[in-house]
Amino acid sequence: MDKNSNSSFKVMTYNIRLDTASDGENAWPNRSDFLSDQILFLSPDVFGVQEALPNQIEDLNLALPDYNFIGEGRGGNGEGEHAALYYNSKHVYVEKHHTFWLSKTPEKVSKDWDAAYPRVCTYGLFS
């Protein structure tokens, strides 16, 4: 992005809910196309997703070819739910990014403070 321009920077976030068959008519296969179409229509520069399982990340990657993502699953090595950030690679550049676990040992897969599951945070610096 040109830092001297008056252009806007559009950011969105989605809790896409994990992929579980028990959601019935709201299960991921019944809503993935709608989500992808909505993103393509609204064309945010950056959008975040929560609770995204690896197969959902893969579906979004296939449906949104101009978008790249940063982030790590809470299980490490791309496993588990992601709190990922997607960015339109034609409009923005990632200068810096990092994922860490919300615990006393943030640089490794971990949980703390009475959490039932590991909690992960991803940040990105975009230009």
N, C-alpha and C. Protein backbone atom coordinates (compact mmCIF):
# COMPACT_ATOMS: atom_id res chain seq x y z
N MET A 1 0.84 -1.18 0.00
CA MET A 1 0.00 0.00 0.00
C MET A 1 0.87 1.23 0.00
N ASP A 2 0.45 2.22 -0.72
CA ASP A 2 1.14 3.49 -0.74
C ASP A 2 0.78 4.25 0.53
N LYS A 3 1.77 4.47 1.38
CA LYS A 3 1.52 5.12 2.67
C LYS A 3 1.08 6.57 2.52
N ASN A 4 1.33 7.16 1.36
CA ASN A 4 0.96 8.55 1.14
C ASN A 4 -0.41 8.70 0.48
N SER A 5 -1.05 7.61 0.14
CA SER A 5 -2.35 7.70 -0.52
C SER A 5 -3.46 7.86 0.51
N ASN A 6 -4.60 8.25 0.01
CA ASN A 6 -5.78 8.39 0.86
C ASN A 6 -6.65 7.15 0.78
N SER A 7 -6.12 6.08 0.26
CA SER A 7 -6.91 4.87 0.11
C SER A 7 -7.24 4.27 1.47
N SER A 8 -8.32 3.52 1.50
CA SER A 8 -8.71 2.88 2.74
C SER A 8 -8.08 1.50 2.85
N PHE A 9 -8.08 1.00 4.04
CA PHE A 9 -7.54 -0.31 4.34
C PHE A 9 -8.68 -1.09 4.99
N LYS A 10 -9.18 -2.10 4.31
CA LYS A 10 -10.35 -2.84 4.77
C LYS A 10 -9.92 -4.10 5.52
N VAL A 11 -10.40 -4.23 6.76
CA VAL A 11 -10.07 -5.37 7.63
C VAL A 11 -11.38 -6.00 8.10
N MET A 12 -11.40 -7.33 8.10
CA MET A 12 -12.59 -8.06 8.56
C MET A 12 -12.13 -9.22 9.43
N THR A 13 -13.06 -9.78 10.17
CA THR A 13 -12.76 -10.97 10.95
C THR A 13 -13.96 -11.91 10.93
N TYR A 14 -13.67 -13.20 11.00
CA TYR A 14 -14.71 -14.22 10.97
C TYR A 14 -14.38 -15.32 11.98
N ASN A 15 -15.34 -15.64 12.80
CA ASN A 15 -15.25 -16.89 13.54
C ASN A 15 -15.97 -17.89 12.66
N ILE A 16 -15.22 -18.67 11.89
CA ILE A 16 -15.84 -19.53 10.90
C ILE A 16 -16.39 -20.82 11.50
N ARG A 17 -16.15 -21.04 12.74
CA ARG A 17 -16.58 -22.24 13.45
C ARG A 17 -15.96 -23.46 12.80
N LEU A 18 -15.45 -24.30 13.64
CA LEU A 18 -14.78 -25.50 13.15
C LEU A 18 -15.73 -26.36 12.32
N ASP A 19 -15.18 -27.32 11.63
CA ASP A 19 -15.93 -28.22 10.75
C ASP A 19 -16.41 -29.41 11.55
N THR A 20 -17.71 -29.43 11.85
CA THR A 20 -18.28 -30.55 12.59
C THR A 20 -19.63 -30.92 11.98
N ALA A 21 -19.81 -32.19 11.70
CA ALA A 21 -21.04 -32.66 11.07
C ALA A 21 -22.27 -32.40 11.94
N SER A 22 -22.08 -32.32 13.24
CA SER A 22 -23.22 -32.10 14.14
C SER A 22 -23.86 -30.73 13.95
N ASP A 23 -23.25 -29.86 13.17
CA ASP A 23 -23.85 -28.55 12.87
C ASP A 23 -24.99 -28.66 11.86
N GLY A 24 -25.19 -29.85 11.31
CA GLY A 24 -26.32 -30.07 10.40
C GLY A 24 -26.28 -29.16 9.20
N GLU A 25 -27.36 -28.40 8.99
CA GLU A 25 -27.42 -27.52 7.82
C GLU A 25 -26.40 -26.39 7.88
N ASN A 26 -25.84 -26.14 9.05
CA ASN A 26 -24.81 -25.11 9.19
C ASN A 26 -23.39 -25.68 9.16
N ALA A 27 -23.26 -26.95 8.80
CA ALA A 27 -21.94 -27.59 8.73
C ALA A 27 -21.09 -26.88 7.67
N TRP A 28 -19.79 -26.97 7.82
CA TRP A 28 -18.84 -26.28 6.95
C TRP A 28 -19.11 -26.49 5.45
N PRO A 29 -19.36 -27.71 4.97
CA PRO A 29 -19.60 -27.87 3.53
C PRO A 29 -20.80 -27.05 3.02
N ASN A 30 -21.72 -26.71 3.91
CA ASN A 30 -22.89 -25.93 3.51
C ASN A 30 -22.68 -24.42 3.63
N ARG A 31 -21.56 -24.01 4.18
CA ARG A 31 -21.33 -22.56 4.34
C ARG A 31 -20.00 -22.08 3.78
N SER A 32 -19.14 -22.99 3.36
CA SER A 32 -17.81 -22.57 2.87
C SER A 32 -17.89 -21.72 1.61
N ASP A 33 -18.75 -22.09 0.66
CA ASP A 33 -18.86 -21.29 -0.56
C ASP A 33 -19.41 -19.90 -0.27
N PHE A 34 -20.39 -19.82 0.63
CA PHE A 34 -20.95 -18.51 0.99
C PHE A 34 -19.87 -17.61 1.59
N LEU A 35 -19.07 -18.16 2.48
CA LEU A 35 -18.00 -17.38 3.11
C LEU A 35 -17.01 -16.90 2.06
N SER A 36 -16.56 -17.79 1.20
CA SER A 36 -15.59 -17.42 0.16
C SER A 36 -16.18 -16.36 -0.78
N ASP A 37 -17.44 -16.54 -1.17
CA ASP A 37 -18.09 -15.56 -2.06
C ASP A 37 -18.19 -14.20 -1.37
N GLN A 38 -18.50 -14.20 -0.09
CA GLN A 38 -18.61 -12.95 0.66
C GLN A 38 -17.26 -12.24 0.71
N ILE A 39 -16.21 -12.98 0.95
CA ILE A 39 -14.87 -12.39 0.99
C ILE A 39 -14.50 -11.82 -0.38
N LEU A 40 -14.75 -12.57 -1.43
CA LEU A 40 -14.45 -12.08 -2.77
C LEU A 40 -15.25 -10.83 -3.11
N PHE A 41 -16.51 -10.78 -2.69
CA PHE A 41 -17.36 -9.62 -2.95
C PHE A 41 -16.90 -8.39 -2.17
N LEU A 42 -16.62 -8.57 -0.89
CA LEU A 42 -16.23 -7.45 -0.03
C LEU A 42 -14.76 -7.08 -0.17
N SER A 43 -13.96 -8.00 -0.63
CA SER A 43 -12.52 -7.86 -0.89
C SER A 43 -11.74 -7.09 0.18
N PRO A 44 -11.72 -7.62 1.40
CA PRO A 44 -10.90 -6.97 2.43
C PRO A 44 -9.41 -7.11 2.10
N ASP A 45 -8.63 -6.17 2.57
CA ASP A 45 -7.18 -6.27 2.42
C ASP A 45 -6.63 -7.35 3.34
N VAL A 46 -7.20 -7.41 4.54
CA VAL A 46 -6.79 -8.39 5.55
C VAL A 46 -8.06 -8.89 6.24
N PHE A 47 -8.10 -10.18 6.50
CA PHE A 47 -9.18 -10.70 7.33
C PHE A 47 -8.64 -11.82 8.21
N GLY A 48 -9.22 -11.91 9.39
CA GLY A 48 -8.81 -12.93 10.34
C GLY A 48 -9.86 -14.02 10.41
N VAL A 49 -9.42 -15.23 10.73
CA VAL A 49 -10.34 -16.34 10.96
C VAL A 49 -10.01 -16.96 12.31
N GLN A 50 -11.04 -17.40 12.99
CA GLN A 50 -10.87 -18.11 14.24
C GLN A 50 -11.52 -19.48 14.10
N GLU A 51 -10.99 -20.44 14.84
CA GLU A 51 -11.49 -21.81 14.87
C GLU A 51 -11.35 -22.53 13.53
N ALA A 52 -10.46 -22.11 12.68
CA ALA A 52 -10.30 -22.72 11.36
C ALA A 52 -9.42 -23.96 11.44
N LEU A 53 -10.01 -25.10 11.13
CA LEU A 53 -9.26 -26.35 11.08
C LEU A 53 -8.45 -26.43 9.79
N PRO A 54 -7.43 -27.28 9.75
CA PRO A 54 -6.58 -27.36 8.55
C PRO A 54 -7.36 -27.55 7.24
N ASN A 55 -8.41 -28.37 7.22
CA ASN A 55 -9.17 -28.54 5.98
C ASN A 55 -9.91 -27.26 5.59
N GLN A 56 -10.32 -26.46 6.58
CA GLN A 56 -10.97 -25.19 6.28
C GLN A 56 -9.97 -24.18 5.73
N ILE A 57 -8.76 -24.18 6.29
CA ILE A 57 -7.69 -23.34 5.77
C ILE A 57 -7.42 -23.72 4.31
N GLU A 58 -7.35 -25.01 4.04
CA GLU A 58 -7.10 -25.49 2.67
C GLU A 58 -8.23 -25.05 1.73
N ASP A 59 -9.48 -25.17 2.18
CA ASP A 59 -10.62 -24.74 1.36
C ASP A 59 -10.53 -23.25 1.04
N LEU A 60 -10.21 -22.44 2.04
CA LEU A 60 -10.08 -21.00 1.81
C LEU A 60 -8.91 -20.69 0.88
N ASN A 61 -7.81 -21.40 1.05
CA ASN A 61 -6.66 -21.19 0.16
C ASN A 61 -7.02 -21.47 -1.29
N LEU A 62 -7.79 -22.50 -1.53
CA LEU A 62 -8.19 -22.85 -2.90
C LEU A 62 -9.20 -21.85 -3.46
N ALA A 63 -10.12 -21.38 -2.65
CA ALA A 63 -11.18 -20.49 -3.11
C ALA A 63 -10.72 -19.04 -3.25
N LEU A 64 -9.63 -18.69 -2.58
CA LEU A 64 -9.18 -17.28 -2.54
C LEU A 64 -7.73 -17.18 -3.01
N PRO A 65 -7.49 -17.37 -4.30
CA PRO A 65 -6.11 -17.46 -4.79
C PRO A 65 -5.26 -16.20 -4.60
N ASP A 66 -5.89 -15.03 -4.48
CA ASP A 66 -5.12 -13.80 -4.28
C ASP A 66 -4.72 -13.58 -2.83
N TYR A 67 -5.23 -14.42 -1.94
CA TYR A 67 -4.95 -14.27 -0.52
C TYR A 67 -3.93 -15.30 -0.05
N ASN A 68 -3.02 -14.85 0.76
CA ASN A 68 -2.09 -15.72 1.47
C ASN A 68 -2.44 -15.64 2.95
N PHE A 69 -1.94 -16.57 3.73
CA PHE A 69 -2.25 -16.50 5.15
C PHE A 69 -0.99 -16.66 5.99
N ILE A 70 -1.09 -16.14 7.19
CA ILE A 70 -0.05 -16.32 8.20
C ILE A 70 -0.75 -16.88 9.43
N GLY A 71 -0.05 -17.69 10.16
CA GLY A 71 -0.62 -18.25 11.38
C GLY A 71 -0.30 -19.71 11.50
N GLU A 72 -0.54 -20.22 12.66
CA GLU A 72 -0.20 -21.60 13.00
C GLU A 72 -1.36 -22.19 13.79
N GLY A 73 -1.63 -23.45 13.58
CA GLY A 73 -2.64 -24.13 14.37
C GLY A 73 -2.18 -24.25 15.82
N ARG A 74 -3.13 -24.30 16.71
CA ARG A 74 -2.75 -24.31 18.12
C ARG A 74 -2.01 -25.58 18.54
N GLY A 75 -2.05 -26.60 17.69
CA GLY A 75 -1.30 -27.82 17.97
C GLY A 75 0.09 -27.81 17.38
N GLY A 76 0.47 -26.71 16.71
CA GLY A 76 1.78 -26.62 16.06
C GLY A 76 1.80 -27.41 14.76
N ASN A 77 2.77 -27.14 13.92
CA ASN A 77 2.94 -27.85 12.65
C ASN A 77 1.67 -27.86 11.81
N GLY A 78 0.90 -26.79 11.83
CA GLY A 78 -0.32 -26.69 11.04
C GLY A 78 -1.49 -27.49 11.57
N GLU A 79 -1.36 -28.05 12.77
CA GLU A 79 -2.42 -28.89 13.34
C GLU A 79 -3.32 -28.10 14.27
N GLY A 80 -4.58 -28.47 14.28
CA GLY A 80 -5.54 -27.87 15.20
C GLY A 80 -6.13 -26.58 14.66
N GLU A 81 -6.96 -25.98 15.49
CA GLU A 81 -7.64 -24.74 15.11
C GLU A 81 -6.63 -23.61 14.94
N HIS A 82 -6.87 -22.81 13.91
CA HIS A 82 -6.01 -21.66 13.60
C HIS A 82 -6.70 -20.36 14.00
N ALA A 83 -5.91 -19.41 14.39
CA ALA A 83 -6.31 -18.01 14.48
C ALA A 83 -5.41 -17.32 13.45
N ALA A 84 -5.78 -17.48 12.18
CA ALA A 84 -4.94 -17.06 11.07
C ALA A 84 -5.34 -15.70 10.53
N LEU A 85 -4.41 -15.04 9.89
CA LEU A 85 -4.66 -13.79 9.19
C LEU A 85 -4.43 -14.02 7.71
N TYR A 86 -5.40 -13.64 6.92
CA TYR A 86 -5.30 -13.69 5.46
C TYR A 86 -5.08 -12.27 4.96
N TYR A 87 -4.31 -12.16 3.89
CA TYR A 87 -4.07 -10.84 3.30
C TYR A 87 -4.06 -10.96 1.79
N ASN A 88 -4.58 -9.92 1.14
CA ASN A 88 -4.60 -9.89 -0.31
C ASN A 88 -3.19 -9.57 -0.79
N SER A 89 -2.53 -10.55 -1.34
CA SER A 89 -1.11 -10.40 -1.72
C SER A 89 -0.92 -9.43 -2.88
N LYS A 90 -1.99 -9.01 -3.54
CA LYS A 90 -1.88 -8.02 -4.61
C LYS A 90 -1.95 -6.60 -4.08
N HIS A 91 -2.37 -6.44 -2.81
CA HIS A 91 -2.55 -5.11 -2.24
C HIS A 91 -1.66 -4.81 -1.05
N VAL A 92 -1.31 -5.82 -0.30
CA VAL A 92 -0.53 -5.58 0.92
C VAL A 92 0.66 -6.52 0.99
N TYR A 93 1.62 -6.12 1.78
CA TYR A 93 2.84 -6.88 1.99
C TYR A 93 2.99 -7.13 3.49
N VAL A 94 3.42 -8.33 3.84
CA VAL A 94 3.67 -8.65 5.25
C VAL A 94 5.11 -8.30 5.57
N GLU A 95 5.29 -7.35 6.46
CA GLU A 95 6.63 -6.96 6.87
C GLU A 95 7.15 -7.86 7.99
N LYS A 96 6.23 -8.28 8.87
CA LYS A 96 6.63 -9.08 10.02
C LYS A 96 5.40 -9.83 10.52
N HIS A 97 5.61 -11.06 10.99
CA HIS A 97 4.51 -11.80 11.58
C HIS A 97 5.06 -12.84 12.55
N HIS A 98 4.18 -13.25 13.45
CA HIS A 98 4.59 -14.23 14.45
C HIS A 98 3.35 -14.85 15.06
N THR A 99 3.47 -16.09 15.47
CA THR A 99 2.42 -16.79 16.21
C THR A 99 3.03 -17.22 17.54
N PHE A 100 2.26 -17.05 18.60
CA PHE A 100 2.73 -17.50 19.91
C PHE A 100 1.56 -18.06 20.70
N TRP A 101 1.88 -18.84 21.70
CA TRP A 101 0.88 -19.46 22.56
C TRP A 101 0.69 -18.62 23.81
N LEU A 102 -0.54 -18.48 24.22
CA LEU A 102 -0.87 -17.69 25.41
C LEU A 102 -0.62 -18.55 26.64
N SER A 103 0.61 -18.51 27.08
CA SER A 103 1.04 -19.32 28.21
C SER A 103 2.35 -18.77 28.76
N LYS A 104 2.86 -19.42 29.78
CA LYS A 104 4.15 -19.03 30.35
C LYS A 104 5.31 -19.41 29.45
N THR A 105 5.06 -20.26 28.45
CA THR A 105 6.08 -20.67 27.47
C THR A 105 5.54 -20.39 26.06
N PRO A 106 5.46 -19.13 25.68
CA PRO A 106 4.77 -18.73 24.45
C PRO A 106 5.42 -19.20 23.14
N GLU A 107 6.65 -19.62 23.17
CA GLU A 107 7.33 -20.01 21.94
C GLU A 107 7.16 -21.48 21.58
N LYS A 108 6.42 -22.21 22.41
CA LYS A 108 6.18 -23.62 22.09
C LYS A 108 4.72 -23.96 22.37
N VAL A 109 4.24 -25.01 21.73
CA VAL A 109 2.86 -25.45 21.94
C VAL A 109 2.66 -25.68 23.43
N SER A 110 1.71 -24.95 24.01
CA SER A 110 1.53 -25.01 25.45
C SER A 110 0.19 -24.40 25.84
N LYS A 111 -0.23 -24.73 27.04
CA LYS A 111 -1.43 -24.11 27.60
C LYS A 111 -1.13 -23.78 29.06
N ASP A 112 -1.88 -22.84 29.57
CA ASP A 112 -1.60 -22.38 30.92
C ASP A 112 -2.84 -21.69 31.47
N TRP A 113 -2.75 -21.25 32.68
CA TRP A 113 -3.76 -20.45 33.34
C TRP A 113 -5.14 -21.11 33.26
N ASP A 114 -5.18 -22.40 33.55
CA ASP A 114 -6.42 -23.17 33.60
C ASP A 114 -7.15 -23.30 32.26
N ALA A 115 -6.46 -23.08 31.15
CA ALA A 115 -7.08 -23.24 29.84
C ALA A 115 -7.31 -24.72 29.55
N ALA A 116 -8.44 -25.02 28.94
CA ALA A 116 -8.74 -26.40 28.57
C ALA A 116 -7.94 -26.83 27.34
N TYR A 117 -7.63 -25.87 26.47
CA TYR A 117 -6.90 -26.13 25.23
C TYR A 117 -5.81 -25.08 25.07
N PRO A 118 -4.79 -25.37 24.28
CA PRO A 118 -3.80 -24.33 23.97
C PRO A 118 -4.48 -23.15 23.28
N ARG A 119 -4.07 -21.96 23.61
CA ARG A 119 -4.59 -20.74 22.99
C ARG A 119 -3.45 -20.12 22.20
N VAL A 120 -3.75 -19.70 20.97
CA VAL A 120 -2.73 -19.19 20.09
C VAL A 120 -3.09 -17.77 19.63
N CYS A 121 -2.07 -16.97 19.38
CA CYS A 121 -2.25 -15.61 18.90
C CYS A 121 -1.31 -15.40 17.72
N THR A 122 -1.83 -14.82 16.67
CA THR A 122 -1.03 -14.47 15.49
C THR A 122 -1.13 -12.98 15.26
N TYR A 123 0.01 -12.36 14.98
CA TYR A 123 -0.04 -10.94 14.61
C TYR A 123 0.74 -10.74 13.33
N GLY A 124 0.40 -9.67 12.65
CA GLY A 124 1.11 -9.33 11.42
C GLY A 124 1.24 -7.83 11.30
N LEU A 125 2.35 -7.40 10.74
CA LEU A 125 2.58 -6.00 10.42
C LEU A 125 2.53 -5.91 8.90
N PHE A 126 1.56 -5.15 8.39
CA PHE A 126 1.32 -5.06 6.96
C PHE A 126 1.64 -3.66 6.44
N SER A 127 2.06 -3.62 5.20
CA SER A 127 2.22 -2.31 4.55
C SER A 127 1.66 -2.40 3.16
